[in-house]
Amino acid sequence: MHVVVVLGDPDDAHLTGRSAGYFGVGGIPGAIQLVIWPTDTSLKKTGDGTAHELHHNVRYAKSGLTAAQSTALSAREILTNAGVPRGA
């Protein structure tokens, strides 16, 4: 597993506003990318966020799904991460 931690841009409104100084990407098999601008809030989120990204990585690694199944799961995952209730 490769984990990359990148210092974010404090002038990026998405990073410092909506994401509260932290976001991650775990959808690339064998890799996790974390982007952080260190604040009290973002540093508190880092451990839980890293576990969340690891979950994405493990859940979809070598799943044996067809392309159609993978696309359907990816769409559901996007909605789940956006906070959209299932069936909405």
PDB file of N, CA and C in Angstrom:
ATOM      1  N   MET A   1       0.852  -1.171   0.000  1.00  0.00           N
ATOM      2  CA  MET A   1       0.000   0.000   0.000  1.00  0.00           C
ATOM      3  C   MET A   1       0.897   1.232   0.000  1.00  0.00           C
ATOM      4  N   HIS A   2       0.665   2.104  -0.959  1.00  0.00           N
ATOM      5  CA  HIS A   2       1.382   3.377  -1.026  1.00  0.00           C
ATOM      6  C   HIS A   2       0.455   4.460  -0.482  1.00  0.00           C
ATOM      7  N   VAL A   3       0.942   5.223   0.472  1.00  0.00           N
ATOM      8  CA  VAL A   3       0.183   6.335   1.032  1.00  0.00           C
ATOM      9  C   VAL A   3       0.959   7.612   0.749  1.00  0.00           C
ATOM     10  N   VAL A   4       0.292   8.551   0.102  1.00  0.00           N
ATOM     11  CA  VAL A   4       0.905   9.830  -0.239  1.00  0.00           C
ATOM     12  C   VAL A   4       0.164  10.919   0.527  1.00  0.00           C
ATOM     13  N   VAL A   5       0.904  11.709   1.271  1.00  0.00           N
ATOM     14  CA  VAL A   5       0.319  12.840   1.992  1.00  0.00           C
ATOM     15  C   VAL A   5       0.852  14.108   1.342  1.00  0.00           C
ATOM     16  N   VAL A   6      -0.063  14.948   0.888  1.00  0.00           N
ATOM     17  CA  VAL A   6       0.300  16.173   0.178  1.00  0.00           C
ATOM     18  C   VAL A   6      -0.184  17.364   0.993  1.00  0.00           C
ATOM     19  N   LEU A   7       0.677  18.342   1.146  1.00  0.00           N
ATOM     20  CA  LEU A   7       0.291  19.575   1.824  1.00  0.00           C
ATOM     21  C   LEU A   7      -0.608  20.370   0.888  1.00  0.00           C
ATOM     22  N   GLY A   8      -1.818  20.665   1.351  1.00  0.00           N
ATOM     23  CA  GLY A   8      -2.788  21.361   0.518  1.00  0.00           C
ATOM     24  C   GLY A   8      -2.547  22.850   0.438  1.00  0.00           C
ATOM     25  N   ASP A   9      -3.295  23.497  -0.425  1.00  0.00           N
ATOM     26  CA  ASP A   9      -3.214  24.938  -0.652  1.00  0.00           C
ATOM     27  C   ASP A   9      -4.191  25.642   0.285  1.00  0.00           C
ATOM     28  N   PRO A  10      -3.702  26.462   1.212  1.00  0.00           N
ATOM     29  CA  PRO A  10      -4.606  27.132   2.148  1.00  0.00           C
ATOM     30  C   PRO A  10      -5.546  28.126   1.473  1.00  0.00           C
ATOM     31  N   ASP A  11      -5.264  28.492   0.228  1.00  0.00           N
ATOM     32  CA  ASP A  11      -6.143  29.404  -0.516  1.00  0.00           C
ATOM     33  C   ASP A  11      -7.206  28.670  -1.324  1.00  0.00           C
ATOM     34  N   ASP A  12      -7.208  27.340  -1.283  1.00  0.00           N
ATOM     35  CA  ASP A  12      -8.208  26.534  -1.995  1.00  0.00           C
ATOM     36  C   ASP A  12      -9.486  26.515  -1.161  1.00  0.00           C
ATOM     37  N   ALA A  13     -10.513  27.168  -1.656  1.00  0.00           N
ATOM     38  CA  ALA A  13     -11.768  27.300  -0.908  1.00  0.00           C
ATOM     39  C   ALA A  13     -12.421  25.952  -0.629  1.00  0.00           C
ATOM     40  N   HIS A  14     -12.319  25.005  -1.573  1.00  0.00           N
ATOM     41  CA  HIS A  14     -12.922  23.690  -1.349  1.00  0.00           C
ATOM     42  C   HIS A  14     -12.194  22.963  -0.215  1.00  0.00           C
ATOM     43  N   LEU A  15     -10.875  22.995  -0.241  1.00  0.00           N
ATOM     44  CA  LEU A  15     -10.098  22.305   0.786  1.00  0.00           C
ATOM     45  C   LEU A  15     -10.323  22.917   2.163  1.00  0.00           C
ATOM     46  N   THR A  16     -10.199  24.216   2.274  1.00  0.00           N
ATOM     47  CA  THR A  16     -10.286  24.839   3.595  1.00  0.00           C
ATOM     48  C   THR A  16     -11.720  25.093   4.041  1.00  0.00           C
ATOM     49  N   GLY A  17     -12.648  25.141   3.105  1.00  0.00           N
ATOM     50  CA  GLY A  17     -14.051  25.375   3.458  1.00  0.00           C
ATOM     51  C   GLY A  17     -14.812  24.085   3.630  1.00  0.00           C
ATOM     52  N   ARG A  18     -15.348  23.585   2.534  1.00  0.00           N
ATOM     53  CA  ARG A  18     -16.197  22.391   2.580  1.00  0.00           C
ATOM     54  C   ARG A  18     -15.492  21.177   3.174  1.00  0.00           C
ATOM     55  N   SER A  19     -14.220  20.987   2.847  1.00  0.00           N
ATOM     56  CA  SER A  19     -13.491  19.803   3.317  1.00  0.00           C
ATOM     57  C   SER A  19     -12.805  20.020   4.669  1.00  0.00           C
ATOM     58  N   ALA A  20     -12.911  21.214   5.210  1.00  0.00           N
ATOM     59  CA  ALA A  20     -12.346  21.538   6.531  1.00  0.00           C
ATOM     60  C   ALA A  20     -10.860  21.190   6.635  1.00  0.00           C
ATOM     61  N   GLY A  21     -10.126  21.368   5.535  1.00  0.00           N
ATOM     62  CA  GLY A  21      -8.686  21.190   5.559  1.00  0.00           C
ATOM     63  C   GLY A  21      -8.174  19.800   5.260  1.00  0.00           C
ATOM     64  N   TYR A  22      -9.064  18.879   4.887  1.00  0.00           N
ATOM     65  CA  TYR A  22      -8.625  17.505   4.637  1.00  0.00           C
ATOM     66  C   TYR A  22      -9.520  16.840   3.610  1.00  0.00           C
ATOM     67  N   PHE A  23      -8.928  16.126   2.657  1.00  0.00           N
ATOM     68  CA  PHE A  23      -9.686  15.171   1.845  1.00  0.00           C
ATOM     69  C   PHE A  23      -8.742  14.083   1.354  1.00  0.00           C
ATOM     70  N   GLY A  24      -9.332  12.964   0.987  1.00  0.00           N
ATOM     71  CA  GLY A  24      -8.532  11.826   0.575  1.00  0.00           C
ATOM     72  C   GLY A  24      -9.133  11.125  -0.619  1.00  0.00           C
ATOM     73  N   VAL A  25      -8.291  10.311  -1.258  1.00  0.00           N
ATOM     74  CA  VAL A  25      -8.694   9.504  -2.400  1.00  0.00           C
ATOM     75  C   VAL A  25      -8.204   8.089  -2.138  1.00  0.00           C
ATOM     76  N   GLY A  26      -9.129   7.131  -2.104  1.00  0.00           N
ATOM     77  CA  GLY A  26      -8.750   5.746  -1.855  1.00  0.00           C
ATOM     78  C   GLY A  26      -9.213   4.797  -2.929  1.00  0.00           C
ATOM     79  N   GLY A  27      -9.636   5.323  -4.060  1.00  0.00           N
ATOM     80  CA  GLY A  27     -10.183   4.478  -5.114  1.00  0.00           C
ATOM     81  C   GLY A  27      -9.163   3.913  -6.085  1.00  0.00           C
ATOM     82  N   ILE A  28      -7.889   4.170  -5.860  1.00  0.00           N
ATOM     83  CA  ILE A  28      -6.842   3.641  -6.728  1.00  0.00           C
ATOM     84  C   ILE A  28      -6.258   2.412  -6.038  1.00  0.00           C
ATOM     85  N   PRO A  29      -6.394   1.222  -6.623  1.00  0.00           N
ATOM     86  CA  PRO A  29      -5.904   0.009  -5.943  1.00  0.00           C
ATOM     87  C   PRO A  29      -4.434   0.130  -5.525  1.00  0.00           C
ATOM     88  N   GLY A  30      -4.181  -0.127  -4.260  1.00  0.00           N
ATOM     89  CA  GLY A  30      -2.827  -0.111  -3.733  1.00  0.00           C
ATOM     90  C   GLY A  30      -2.295   1.258  -3.358  1.00  0.00           C
ATOM     91  N   ALA A  31      -3.150   2.284  -3.413  1.00  0.00           N
ATOM     92  CA  ALA A  31      -2.675   3.633  -3.111  1.00  0.00           C
ATOM     93  C   ALA A  31      -3.753   4.455  -2.408  1.00  0.00           C
ATOM     94  N   ILE A  32      -3.316   5.309  -1.522  1.00  0.00           N
ATOM     95  CA  ILE A  32      -4.189   6.279  -0.859  1.00  0.00           C
ATOM     96  C   ILE A  32      -3.507   7.633  -0.948  1.00  0.00           C
ATOM     97  N   GLN A  33      -4.259   8.640  -1.361  1.00  0.00           N
ATOM     98  CA  GLN A  33      -3.733  10.001  -1.396  1.00  0.00           C
ATOM     99  C   GLN A  33      -4.507  10.840  -0.396  1.00  0.00           C
ATOM    100  N   LEU A  34      -3.776  11.554   0.440  1.00  0.00           N
ATOM    101  CA  LEU A  34      -4.377  12.439   1.432  1.00  0.00           C
ATOM    102  C   LEU A  34      -3.887  13.847   1.161  1.00  0.00           C
ATOM    103  N   VAL A  35      -4.805  14.796   1.108  1.00  0.00           N
ATOM    104  CA  VAL A  35      -4.457  16.202   0.933  1.00  0.00           C
ATOM    105  C   VAL A  35      -4.916  16.910   2.192  1.00  0.00           C
ATOM    106  N   ILE A  36      -3.997  17.637   2.827  1.00  0.00           N
ATOM    107  CA  ILE A  36      -4.324  18.253   4.104  1.00  0.00           C
ATOM    108  C   ILE A  36      -3.693  19.632   4.232  1.00  0.00           C
ATOM    109  N   TRP A  37      -4.448  20.540   4.812  1.00  0.00           N
ATOM    110  CA  TRP A  37      -3.887  21.792   5.294  1.00  0.00           C
ATOM    111  C   TRP A  37      -4.044  21.711   6.813  1.00  0.00           C
ATOM    112  N   PRO A  38      -2.913  21.616   7.549  1.00  0.00           N
ATOM    113  CA  PRO A  38      -2.984  21.319   8.981  1.00  0.00           C
ATOM    114  C   PRO A  38      -3.645  22.417   9.812  1.00  0.00           C
ATOM    115  N   THR A  39      -4.765  22.061  10.395  1.00  0.00           N
ATOM    116  CA  THR A  39      -5.455  22.897  11.385  1.00  0.00           C
ATOM    117  C   THR A  39      -5.882  21.954  12.500  1.00  0.00           C
ATOM    118  N   ASP A  40      -6.366  22.497  13.591  1.00  0.00           N
ATOM    119  CA  ASP A  40      -6.857  21.627  14.669  1.00  0.00           C
ATOM    120  C   ASP A  40      -7.930  20.679  14.155  1.00  0.00           C
ATOM    121  N   THR A  41      -8.843  21.191  13.337  1.00  0.00           N
ATOM    122  CA  THR A  41      -9.938  20.376  12.817  1.00  0.00           C
ATOM    123  C   THR A  41      -9.435  19.299  11.859  1.00  0.00           C
ATOM    124  N   SER A  42      -8.601  19.685  10.906  1.00  0.00           N
ATOM    125  CA  SER A  42      -8.148  18.703   9.911  1.00  0.00           C
ATOM    126  C   SER A  42      -7.268  17.633  10.545  1.00  0.00           C
ATOM    127  N   LEU A  43      -6.459  17.987  11.505  1.00  0.00           N
ATOM    128  CA  LEU A  43      -5.607  16.995  12.159  1.00  0.00           C
ATOM    129  C   LEU A  43      -6.437  15.984  12.950  1.00  0.00           C
ATOM    130  N   LYS A  44      -7.552  16.415  13.504  1.00  0.00           N
ATOM    131  CA  LYS A  44      -8.452  15.495  14.212  1.00  0.00           C
ATOM    132  C   LYS A  44      -9.129  14.527  13.240  1.00  0.00           C
ATOM    133  N   LYS A  45      -9.369  14.963  11.993  1.00  0.00           N
ATOM    134  CA  LYS A  45     -10.057  14.143  10.997  1.00  0.00           C
ATOM    135  C   LYS A  45      -9.137  13.158  10.287  1.00  0.00           C
ATOM    136  N   THR A  46      -7.851  13.355  10.352  1.00  0.00           N
ATOM    137  CA  THR A  46      -6.914  12.598   9.536  1.00  0.00           C
ATOM    138  C   THR A  46      -6.980  11.089   9.782  1.00  0.00           C
ATOM    139  N   GLY A  47      -7.009  10.649  11.023  1.00  0.00           N
ATOM    140  CA  GLY A  47      -7.051   9.212  11.322  1.00  0.00           C
ATOM    141  C   GLY A  47      -8.309   8.551  10.794  1.00  0.00           C
ATOM    142  N   ASP A  48      -9.457   9.123  11.087  1.00  0.00           N
ATOM    143  CA  ASP A  48     -10.721   8.566  10.603  1.00  0.00           C
ATOM    144  C   ASP A  48     -10.801   8.626   9.083  1.00  0.00           C
ATOM    145  N   GLY A  49     -10.331   9.719   8.511  1.00  0.00           N
ATOM    146  CA  GLY A  49     -10.364   9.864   7.063  1.00  0.00           C
ATOM    147  C   GLY A  49      -9.467   8.862   6.366  1.00  0.00           C
ATOM    148  N   THR A  50      -8.312   8.593   6.948  1.00  0.00           N
ATOM    149  CA  THR A  50      -7.407   7.609   6.369  1.00  0.00           C
ATOM    150  C   THR A  50      -8.031   6.218   6.407  1.00  0.00           C
ATOM    151  N   ALA A  51      -8.674   5.880   7.514  1.00  0.00           N
ATOM    152  CA  ALA A  51      -9.366   4.586   7.614  1.00  0.00           C
ATOM    153  C   ALA A  51     -10.482   4.501   6.570  1.00  0.00           C
ATOM    154  N   HIS A  52     -11.191   5.593   6.348  1.00  0.00           N
ATOM    155  CA  HIS A  52     -12.249   5.651   5.343  1.00  0.00           C
ATOM    156  C   HIS A  52     -11.683   5.367   3.952  1.00  0.00           C
ATOM    157  N   GLU A  53     -10.560   5.990   3.622  1.00  0.00           N
ATOM    158  CA  GLU A  53      -9.945   5.775   2.303  1.00  0.00           C
ATOM    159  C   GLU A  53      -9.410   4.350   2.167  1.00  0.00           C
ATOM    160  N   LEU A  54      -8.872   3.799   3.235  1.00  0.00           N
ATOM    161  CA  LEU A  54      -8.416   2.409   3.209  1.00  0.00           C
ATOM    162  C   LEU A  54      -9.596   1.471   2.932  1.00  0.00           C
ATOM    163  N   HIS A  55     -10.739   1.782   3.525  1.00  0.00           N
ATOM    164  CA  HIS A  55     -11.946   0.989   3.284  1.00  0.00           C
ATOM    165  C   HIS A  55     -12.295   0.972   1.801  1.00  0.00           C
ATOM    166  N   HIS A  56     -12.252   2.138   1.153  1.00  0.00           N
ATOM    167  CA  HIS A  56     -12.507   2.180  -0.293  1.00  0.00           C
ATOM    168  C   HIS A  56     -11.533   1.264  -1.024  1.00  0.00           C
ATOM    169  N   ASN A  57     -10.273   1.358  -0.641  1.00  0.00           N
ATOM    170  CA  ASN A  57      -9.232   0.604  -1.325  1.00  0.00           C
ATOM    171  C   ASN A  57      -9.434  -0.889  -1.174  1.00  0.00           C
ATOM    172  N   VAL A  58      -9.696  -1.342   0.016  1.00  0.00           N
ATOM    173  CA  VAL A  58      -9.877  -2.770   0.280  1.00  0.00           C
ATOM    174  C   VAL A  58     -11.172  -3.280  -0.344  1.00  0.00           C
ATOM    175  N   ARG A  59     -12.227  -2.496  -0.238  1.00  0.00           N
ATOM    176  CA  ARG A  59     -13.547  -2.930  -0.723  1.00  0.00           C
ATOM    177  C   ARG A  59     -13.553  -3.193  -2.225  1.00  0.00           C
ATOM    178  N   TYR A  60     -12.843  -2.391  -2.978  1.00  0.00           N
ATOM    179  CA  TYR A  60     -12.907  -2.512  -4.431  1.00  0.00           C
ATOM    180  C   TYR A  60     -11.696  -3.197  -5.049  1.00  0.00           C
ATOM    181  N   ALA A  61     -10.711  -3.577  -4.273  1.00  0.00           N
ATOM    182  CA  ALA A  61      -9.526  -4.240  -4.811  1.00  0.00           C
ATOM    183  C   ALA A  61      -9.866  -5.659  -5.246  1.00  0.00           C
ATOM    184  N   LYS A  62      -9.502  -6.001  -6.453  1.00  0.00           N
ATOM    185  CA  LYS A  62      -9.662  -7.363  -6.974  1.00  0.00           C
ATOM    186  C   LYS A  62     -11.033  -7.951  -6.648  1.00  0.00           C
ATOM    187  N   SER A  63     -12.053  -7.170  -6.897  1.00  0.00           N
ATOM    188  CA  SER A  63     -13.409  -7.588  -6.535  1.00  0.00           C
ATOM    189  C   SER A  63     -13.992  -8.620  -7.489  1.00  0.00           C
ATOM    190  N   GLY A  64     -13.450  -8.718  -8.698  1.00  0.00           N
ATOM    191  CA  GLY A  64     -13.984  -9.657  -9.672  1.00  0.00           C
ATOM    192  C   GLY A  64     -15.300  -9.192 -10.275  1.00  0.00           C
ATOM    193  N   LEU A  65     -15.653  -7.943 -10.084  1.00  0.00           N
ATOM    194  CA  LEU A  65     -16.902  -7.424 -10.627  1.00  0.00           C
ATOM    195  C   LEU A  65     -16.774  -7.165 -12.123  1.00  0.00           C
ATOM    196  N   THR A  66     -17.898  -7.278 -12.826  1.00  0.00           N
ATOM    197  CA  THR A  66     -17.921  -6.886 -14.231  1.00  0.00           C
ATOM    198  C   THR A  66     -17.879  -5.367 -14.291  1.00  0.00           C
ATOM    199  N   ALA A  67     -17.619  -4.826 -15.469  1.00  0.00           N
ATOM    200  CA  ALA A  67     -17.573  -3.371 -15.635  1.00  0.00           C
ATOM    201  C   ALA A  67     -18.914  -2.737 -15.242  1.00  0.00           C
ATOM    202  N   ALA A  68     -20.026  -3.362 -15.627  1.00  0.00           N
ATOM    203  CA  ALA A  68     -21.351  -2.816 -15.302  1.00  0.00           C
ATOM    204  C   ALA A  68     -21.586  -2.826 -13.794  1.00  0.00           C
ATOM    205  N   GLN A  69     -21.205  -3.907 -13.123  1.00  0.00           N
ATOM    206  CA  GLN A  69     -21.371  -3.976 -11.671  1.00  0.00           C
ATOM    207  C   GLN A  69     -20.490  -2.944 -10.979  1.00  0.00           C
ATOM    208  N   SER A  70     -19.274  -2.802 -11.456  1.00  0.00           N
ATOM    209  CA  SER A  70     -18.350  -1.839 -10.879  1.00  0.00           C
ATOM    210  C   SER A  70     -18.867  -0.419 -11.036  1.00  0.00           C
ATOM    211  N   THR A  71     -19.433  -0.103 -12.207  1.00  0.00           N
ATOM    212  CA  THR A  71     -19.989   1.229 -12.452  1.00  0.00           C
ATOM    213  C   THR A  71     -21.162   1.498 -11.518  1.00  0.00           C
ATOM    214  N   ALA A  72     -22.030   0.511 -11.338  1.00  0.00           N
ATOM    215  CA  ALA A  72     -23.179   0.677 -10.441  1.00  0.00           C
ATOM    216  C   ALA A  72     -22.710   0.894  -9.005  1.00  0.00           C
ATOM    217  N   LEU A  73     -21.724   0.137  -8.570  1.00  0.00           N
ATOM    218  CA  LEU A  73     -21.202   0.315  -7.216  1.00  0.00           C
ATOM    219  C   LEU A  73     -20.521   1.663  -7.063  1.00  0.00           C
ATOM    220  N   SER A  74     -19.796   2.105  -8.095  1.00  0.00           N
ATOM    221  CA  SER A  74     -19.135   3.400  -8.040  1.00  0.00           C
ATOM    222  C   SER A  74     -20.154   4.516  -7.904  1.00  0.00           C
ATOM    223  N   ALA A  75     -21.244   4.433  -8.651  1.00  0.00           N
ATOM    224  CA  ALA A  75     -22.301   5.444  -8.557  1.00  0.00           C
ATOM    225  C   ALA A  75     -22.901   5.451  -7.163  1.00  0.00           C
ATOM    226  N   ARG A  76     -23.150   4.273  -6.604  1.00  0.00           N
ATOM    227  CA  ARG A  76     -23.710   4.192  -5.246  1.00  0.00           C
ATOM    228  C   ARG A  76     -22.724   4.769  -4.229  1.00  0.00           C
ATOM    229  N   GLU A  77     -21.444   4.505  -4.422  1.00  0.00           N
ATOM    230  CA  GLU A  77     -20.427   5.019  -3.514  1.00  0.00           C
ATOM    231  C   GLU A  77     -20.368   6.541  -3.556  1.00  0.00           C
ATOM    232  N   ILE A  78     -20.469   7.110  -4.747  1.00  0.00           N
ATOM    233  CA  ILE A  78     -20.476   8.574  -4.876  1.00  0.00           C
ATOM    234  C   ILE A  78     -21.654   9.156  -4.123  1.00  0.00           C
ATOM    235  N   LEU A  79     -22.829   8.564  -4.285  1.00  0.00           N
ATOM    236  CA  LEU A  79     -24.013   9.058  -3.592  1.00  0.00           C
ATOM    237  C   LEU A  79     -23.878   8.883  -2.083  1.00  0.00           C
ATOM    238  N   THR A  80     -23.297   7.773  -1.656  1.00  0.00           N
ATOM    239  CA  THR A  80     -23.108   7.533  -0.222  1.00  0.00           C
ATOM    240  C   THR A  80     -22.182   8.568   0.368  1.00  0.00           C
ATOM    241  N   ASN A  81     -21.082   8.838  -0.288  1.00  0.00           N
ATOM    242  CA  ASN A  81     -20.123   9.822   0.209  1.00  0.00           C
ATOM    243  C   ASN A  81     -20.693  11.235   0.184  1.00  0.00           C
ATOM    244  N   ALA A  82     -21.648  11.476  -0.702  1.00  0.00           N
ATOM    245  CA  ALA A  82     -22.272  12.797  -0.781  1.00  0.00           C
ATOM    246  C   ALA A  82     -23.387  12.943   0.257  1.00  0.00           C
ATOM    247  N   GLY A  83     -23.669  11.868   0.977  1.00  0.00           N
ATOM    248  CA  GLY A  83     -24.698  11.932   2.004  1.00  0.00           C
ATOM    249  C   GLY A  83     -26.108  11.742   1.489  1.00  0.00           C
ATOM    250  N   VAL A  84     -26.253  11.200   0.285  1.00  0.00           N
ATOM    251  CA  VAL A  84     -27.579  10.960  -0.285  1.00  0.00           C
ATOM    252  C   VAL A  84     -28.079   9.620   0.220  1.00  0.00           C
ATOM    253  N   PRO A  85     -29.252   9.582   0.864  1.00  0.00           N
ATOM    254  CA  PRO A  85     -29.769   8.322   1.388  1.00  0.00           C
ATOM    255  C   PRO A  85     -30.046   7.310   0.285  1.00  0.00           C
ATOM    256  N   ARG A  86     -29.859   6.041   0.603  1.00  0.00           N
ATOM    257  CA  ARG A  86     -30.128   4.974  -0.360  1.00  0.00           C
ATOM    258  C   ARG A  86     -31.592   5.028  -0.787  1.00  0.00           C
ATOM    259  N   GLY A  87     -31.849   4.878  -2.073  1.00  0.00           N
ATOM    260  CA  GLY A  87     -33.221   4.899  -2.599  1.00  0.00           C
ATOM    261  C   GLY A  87     -33.719   6.286  -2.930  1.00  0.00           C
ATOM    262  N   ALA A  88     -32.897   7.311  -2.697  1.00  0.00           N
ATOM    263  CA  ALA A  88     -33.346   8.686  -2.981  1.00  0.00           C
ATOM    264  C   ALA A  88     -33.291   8.969  -4.459  1.00  0.00           C
TER     265      ALA A  88
END
